[in-house]
């Protein structure tokens, strides 16, 4: 099993676990954590595609590194925004439960 396959398998595992957390949990903060796990899985997949082995030295493409850096910055901003929205929802409605928030539709 090569290094590429190990990293790509780990990224698929992170994506599946993140999607499971998003689909099964009713707590708003856990959904945000699931989104973060999916983002980390995608970043690891990008990193596994950017790995090059030259003369027994593991190197990573500059394009993959820049894509991961931009994705990490965007994910941090989205997570901060989602957590602030979740905090405002808790202050206003007193719950993080997604099922109770669905009842508030027009």
N, C-alpha and C. Protein backbone atom coordinates (compact mmCIF):
# COMPACT_ATOMS: atom_id res chain seq x y z
N UNK A 1 0.85 -1.18 0.00
CA UNK A 1 0.00 0.00 0.00
C UNK A 1 0.89 1.24 0.00
N UNK A 2 0.63 2.13 -0.94
CA UNK A 2 1.48 3.30 -1.08
C UNK A 2 1.02 4.44 -0.17
N UNK A 3 1.85 5.44 -0.11
CA UNK A 3 1.57 6.61 0.72
C UNK A 3 0.33 7.35 0.23
N UNK A 4 0.14 7.40 -1.09
CA UNK A 4 -1.02 8.07 -1.66
C UNK A 4 -2.32 7.41 -1.19
N UNK A 5 -2.33 6.09 -1.23
CA UNK A 5 -3.54 5.34 -0.86
C UNK A 5 -3.87 5.51 0.61
N UNK A 6 -2.87 5.56 1.46
CA UNK A 6 -3.11 5.74 2.90
C UNK A 6 -3.72 7.10 3.17
N UNK A 7 -3.13 8.15 2.59
CA UNK A 7 -3.67 9.49 2.79
C UNK A 7 -5.06 9.65 2.20
N UNK A 8 -5.26 9.09 1.00
CA UNK A 8 -6.57 9.21 0.37
C UNK A 8 -7.63 8.42 1.13
N UNK A 9 -7.25 7.25 1.65
CA UNK A 9 -8.18 6.48 2.48
C UNK A 9 -8.54 7.21 3.76
N UNK A 10 -7.56 7.87 4.36
CA UNK A 10 -7.83 8.67 5.56
C UNK A 10 -8.75 9.84 5.25
N UNK A 11 -8.56 10.45 4.08
CA UNK A 11 -9.43 11.57 3.71
C UNK A 11 -10.86 11.09 3.47
N UNK A 12 -11.01 9.94 2.84
CA UNK A 12 -12.35 9.39 2.64
C UNK A 12 -13.01 9.05 3.96
N UNK A 13 -12.24 8.54 4.90
CA UNK A 13 -12.77 8.23 6.23
C UNK A 13 -13.25 9.50 6.94
N UNK A 14 -12.47 10.56 6.86
CA UNK A 14 -12.88 11.84 7.47
C UNK A 14 -14.14 12.40 6.83
N UNK A 15 -14.24 12.29 5.52
CA UNK A 15 -15.42 12.80 4.82
C UNK A 15 -16.66 12.00 5.21
N UNK A 16 -16.53 10.67 5.28
CA UNK A 16 -17.67 9.82 5.64
C UNK A 16 -18.11 10.09 7.08
N UNK A 17 -17.15 10.20 8.00
CA UNK A 17 -17.48 10.48 9.39
C UNK A 17 -18.15 11.85 9.52
N UNK A 18 -17.64 12.85 8.80
CA UNK A 18 -18.25 14.18 8.84
C UNK A 18 -19.67 14.18 8.30
N UNK A 19 -19.89 13.46 7.20
CA UNK A 19 -21.24 13.38 6.65
C UNK A 19 -22.18 12.63 7.58
N UNK A 20 -21.67 11.60 8.26
CA UNK A 20 -22.49 10.88 9.24
C UNK A 20 -22.89 11.80 10.39
N UNK A 21 -21.94 12.60 10.86
CA UNK A 21 -22.23 13.53 11.95
C UNK A 21 -23.28 14.55 11.52
N UNK A 22 -23.15 15.06 10.31
CA UNK A 22 -24.12 16.04 9.81
C UNK A 22 -25.50 15.43 9.68
N UNK A 23 -25.56 14.20 9.17
CA UNK A 23 -26.86 13.58 8.90
C UNK A 23 -27.56 13.07 10.16
N UNK A 24 -26.79 12.64 11.15
CA UNK A 24 -27.42 11.97 12.29
C UNK A 24 -27.64 12.85 13.51
N UNK A 25 -26.88 13.88 13.67
CA UNK A 25 -26.98 14.69 14.87
C UNK A 25 -28.02 15.78 14.74
N UNK A 26 -28.68 16.09 15.83
CA UNK A 26 -29.68 17.14 15.86
C UNK A 26 -29.17 18.39 16.56
N UNK A 27 -27.97 18.35 17.07
CA UNK A 27 -27.39 19.47 17.80
C UNK A 27 -26.65 20.36 16.81
N UNK A 28 -26.92 21.64 16.84
CA UNK A 28 -26.40 22.57 15.84
C UNK A 28 -24.87 22.68 15.88
N UNK A 29 -24.28 22.64 17.05
CA UNK A 29 -22.82 22.74 17.16
C UNK A 29 -22.17 21.48 16.60
N UNK A 30 -22.79 20.32 16.80
CA UNK A 30 -22.23 19.08 16.24
C UNK A 30 -22.30 19.07 14.73
N UNK A 31 -23.32 19.70 14.17
CA UNK A 31 -23.40 19.82 12.71
C UNK A 31 -22.24 20.67 12.19
N UNK A 32 -21.90 21.72 12.90
CA UNK A 32 -20.77 22.57 12.51
C UNK A 32 -19.47 21.77 12.61
N UNK A 33 -19.33 20.95 13.63
CA UNK A 33 -18.15 20.11 13.77
C UNK A 33 -18.07 19.09 12.63
N UNK A 34 -19.22 18.56 12.21
CA UNK A 34 -19.25 17.66 11.07
C UNK A 34 -18.81 18.34 9.79
N UNK A 35 -19.25 19.58 9.60
CA UNK A 35 -18.80 20.35 8.43
C UNK A 35 -17.29 20.56 8.45
N UNK A 36 -16.75 20.79 9.63
CA UNK A 36 -15.31 20.97 9.76
C UNK A 36 -14.56 19.67 9.44
N UNK A 37 -15.11 18.53 9.85
CA UNK A 37 -14.49 17.25 9.54
C UNK A 37 -14.49 16.98 8.04
N UNK A 38 -15.57 17.34 7.36
CA UNK A 38 -15.62 17.19 5.90
C UNK A 38 -14.57 18.08 5.24
N UNK A 39 -14.43 19.29 5.73
CA UNK A 39 -13.44 20.21 5.18
C UNK A 39 -12.02 19.67 5.37
N UNK A 40 -11.75 19.11 6.54
CA UNK A 40 -10.43 18.53 6.78
C UNK A 40 -10.18 17.33 5.87
N UNK A 41 -11.23 16.54 5.62
CA UNK A 41 -11.09 15.41 4.70
C UNK A 41 -10.78 15.86 3.28
N UNK A 42 -11.42 16.92 2.84
CA UNK A 42 -11.16 17.45 1.51
C UNK A 42 -9.74 18.01 1.43
N UNK A 43 -9.29 18.68 2.47
CA UNK A 43 -7.91 19.19 2.49
C UNK A 43 -6.90 18.06 2.44
N UNK A 44 -7.17 16.98 3.14
CA UNK A 44 -6.27 15.83 3.11
C UNK A 44 -6.28 15.17 1.74
N UNK A 45 -7.42 15.13 1.07
CA UNK A 45 -7.48 14.58 -0.29
C UNK A 45 -6.67 15.44 -1.26
N UNK A 46 -6.77 16.75 -1.11
CA UNK A 46 -5.97 17.64 -1.96
C UNK A 46 -4.48 17.42 -1.68
N UNK A 47 -4.13 17.26 -0.42
CA UNK A 47 -2.72 17.02 -0.07
C UNK A 47 -2.23 15.69 -0.63
N UNK A 48 -3.09 14.67 -0.58
CA UNK A 48 -2.65 13.37 -1.10
C UNK A 48 -2.47 13.40 -2.61
N UNK A 49 -3.24 14.23 -3.30
CA UNK A 49 -3.06 14.36 -4.75
C UNK A 49 -1.84 15.19 -5.11
N UNK A 50 -1.38 16.02 -4.19
CA UNK A 50 -0.24 16.88 -4.47
C UNK A 50 1.10 16.30 -4.06
N UNK A 51 1.11 15.09 -3.51
CA UNK A 51 2.36 14.48 -3.05
C UNK A 51 3.14 13.94 -4.24
N UNK A 52 4.42 14.22 -4.26
CA UNK A 52 5.34 13.68 -5.26
C UNK A 52 6.54 13.10 -4.52
N UNK A 53 6.98 11.93 -4.95
CA UNK A 53 8.16 11.30 -4.36
C UNK A 53 9.26 11.31 -5.41
N UNK A 54 10.32 12.05 -5.12
CA UNK A 54 11.45 12.18 -6.03
C UNK A 54 12.71 11.77 -5.28
N UNK A 55 13.36 10.72 -5.75
CA UNK A 55 14.60 10.21 -5.13
C UNK A 55 14.43 9.97 -3.64
N UNK A 56 13.38 9.28 -3.26
CA UNK A 56 13.05 8.94 -1.88
C UNK A 56 12.82 10.15 -0.98
N UNK A 57 12.49 11.27 -1.58
CA UNK A 57 12.15 12.48 -0.82
C UNK A 57 10.70 12.81 -1.12
N UNK A 58 9.90 12.95 -0.08
CA UNK A 58 8.49 13.27 -0.25
C UNK A 58 8.34 14.78 -0.37
N UNK A 59 7.75 15.21 -1.48
CA UNK A 59 7.55 16.64 -1.74
C UNK A 59 6.08 16.89 -2.02
N UNK A 60 5.65 18.14 -1.86
CA UNK A 60 4.27 18.50 -2.17
C UNK A 60 4.28 19.68 -3.14
N UNK A 61 3.36 19.61 -4.10
CA UNK A 61 3.24 20.68 -5.08
C UNK A 61 2.86 21.99 -4.40
N UNK A 62 3.35 23.08 -4.97
CA UNK A 62 3.02 24.40 -4.44
C UNK A 62 1.54 24.73 -4.66
N UNK A 63 0.97 24.24 -5.76
CA UNK A 63 -0.45 24.49 -6.03
C UNK A 63 -1.32 23.84 -4.96
N UNK A 64 -0.99 22.59 -4.59
CA UNK A 64 -1.75 21.90 -3.55
C UNK A 64 -1.63 22.63 -2.22
N UNK A 65 -0.44 23.09 -1.90
CA UNK A 65 -0.24 23.83 -0.65
C UNK A 65 -1.05 25.11 -0.63
N UNK A 66 -1.08 25.83 -1.73
CA UNK A 66 -1.84 27.09 -1.77
C UNK A 66 -3.34 26.82 -1.71
N UNK A 67 -3.79 25.74 -2.36
CA UNK A 67 -5.22 25.40 -2.29
C UNK A 67 -5.62 25.05 -0.86
N UNK A 68 -4.77 24.31 -0.16
CA UNK A 68 -5.07 23.94 1.23
C UNK A 68 -5.06 25.17 2.13
N UNK A 69 -4.12 26.08 1.91
CA UNK A 69 -4.06 27.29 2.74
C UNK A 69 -5.32 28.15 2.54
N UNK A 70 -5.75 28.31 1.31
CA UNK A 70 -6.96 29.09 1.04
C UNK A 70 -8.19 28.40 1.61
N UNK A 71 -8.26 27.07 1.43
CA UNK A 71 -9.39 26.31 1.96
C UNK A 71 -9.46 26.37 3.48
N UNK A 72 -8.32 26.34 4.13
CA UNK A 72 -8.28 26.43 5.58
C UNK A 72 -8.76 27.80 6.06
N UNK A 73 -8.35 28.86 5.37
CA UNK A 73 -8.79 30.20 5.75
C UNK A 73 -10.29 30.37 5.55
N UNK A 74 -10.81 29.86 4.44
CA UNK A 74 -12.25 29.97 4.18
C UNK A 74 -13.03 29.13 5.19
N UNK A 75 -12.52 27.93 5.51
CA UNK A 75 -13.20 27.07 6.48
C UNK A 75 -13.22 27.70 7.87
N UNK A 76 -12.14 28.36 8.24
CA UNK A 76 -12.11 29.04 9.54
C UNK A 76 -13.14 30.16 9.59
N UNK A 77 -13.26 30.91 8.51
CA UNK A 77 -14.25 32.00 8.48
C UNK A 77 -15.67 31.44 8.52
N UNK A 78 -15.93 30.37 7.78
CA UNK A 78 -17.26 29.78 7.76
C UNK A 78 -17.60 29.20 9.12
N UNK A 79 -16.65 28.55 9.76
CA UNK A 79 -16.90 27.97 11.09
C UNK A 79 -17.18 29.06 12.12
N UNK A 80 -16.41 30.14 12.07
CA UNK A 80 -16.66 31.24 13.00
C UNK A 80 -18.04 31.86 12.77
N UNK A 81 -18.43 32.03 11.53
CA UNK A 81 -19.74 32.57 11.22
C UNK A 81 -20.85 31.62 11.66
N UNK A 82 -20.69 30.33 11.39
CA UNK A 82 -21.71 29.35 11.79
C UNK A 82 -21.85 29.26 13.30
N UNK A 83 -20.75 29.31 14.03
CA UNK A 83 -20.83 29.26 15.49
C UNK A 83 -21.45 30.53 16.06
N UNK A 84 -21.18 31.67 15.43
CA UNK A 84 -21.81 32.91 15.91
C UNK A 84 -23.31 32.89 15.63
N UNK A 85 -23.71 32.35 14.49
CA UNK A 85 -25.14 32.22 14.21
C UNK A 85 -25.78 31.25 15.19
N UNK A 86 -25.10 30.14 15.49
CA UNK A 86 -25.63 29.17 16.46
C UNK A 86 -25.76 29.80 17.84
N UNK A 87 -24.81 30.64 18.22
CA UNK A 87 -24.89 31.32 19.51
C UNK A 87 -26.07 32.29 19.55
N UNK A 88 -26.29 33.00 18.46
CA UNK A 88 -27.44 33.91 18.41
C UNK A 88 -28.76 33.14 18.42
N UNK A 89 -28.81 31.98 17.76
CA UNK A 89 -30.01 31.15 17.80
C UNK A 89 -30.27 30.68 19.23
N UNK A 90 -29.21 30.29 19.94
CA UNK A 90 -29.38 29.84 21.32
C UNK A 90 -29.87 30.98 22.21
N UNK A 91 -29.33 32.16 22.02
CA UNK A 91 -29.77 33.30 22.82
C UNK A 91 -31.23 33.65 22.56
N UNK A 92 -31.65 33.53 21.31
CA UNK A 92 -33.01 33.92 20.95
C UNK A 92 -34.03 32.85 21.27
N UNK A 93 -33.73 31.58 20.95
CA UNK A 93 -34.70 30.50 21.11
C UNK A 93 -34.42 29.58 22.30
N UNK A 94 -33.21 29.63 22.85
CA UNK A 94 -32.89 28.83 24.03
C UNK A 94 -32.62 27.36 23.75
N UNK A 95 -32.30 27.01 22.49
CA UNK A 95 -32.02 25.62 22.16
C UNK A 95 -31.06 25.54 20.98
N UNK A 96 -30.34 24.41 20.93
CA UNK A 96 -29.50 24.09 19.79
C UNK A 96 -30.13 22.97 18.96
N UNK A 97 -31.28 22.47 19.38
CA UNK A 97 -31.90 21.33 18.73
C UNK A 97 -32.48 21.75 17.38
N UNK A 98 -32.04 21.06 16.32
CA UNK A 98 -32.46 21.40 14.97
C UNK A 98 -33.94 21.06 14.77
N UNK A 99 -34.42 20.00 15.40
CA UNK A 99 -35.83 19.62 15.24
C UNK A 99 -36.77 20.70 15.78
N UNK A 100 -36.41 21.30 16.90
CA UNK A 100 -37.25 22.37 17.45
C UNK A 100 -37.18 23.64 16.60
N UNK A 101 -36.05 23.87 15.97
CA UNK A 101 -35.92 25.05 15.11
C UNK A 101 -36.68 24.88 13.82
N UNK A 102 -36.86 23.64 13.35
CA UNK A 102 -37.63 23.40 12.12
C UNK A 102 -39.11 23.76 12.32
N UNK A 103 -39.59 23.69 13.53
CA UNK A 103 -40.98 24.02 13.81
C UNK A 103 -41.25 25.51 13.68
N UNK A 104 -40.20 26.30 13.62
CA UNK A 104 -40.35 27.75 13.59
C UNK A 104 -40.56 28.29 12.18
N UNK A 105 -40.76 27.40 11.21
CA UNK A 105 -40.97 27.86 9.84
C UNK A 105 -42.28 28.62 9.74
N UNK A 106 -42.41 29.41 8.72
CA UNK A 106 -43.59 30.22 8.52
C UNK A 106 -44.69 29.33 8.15
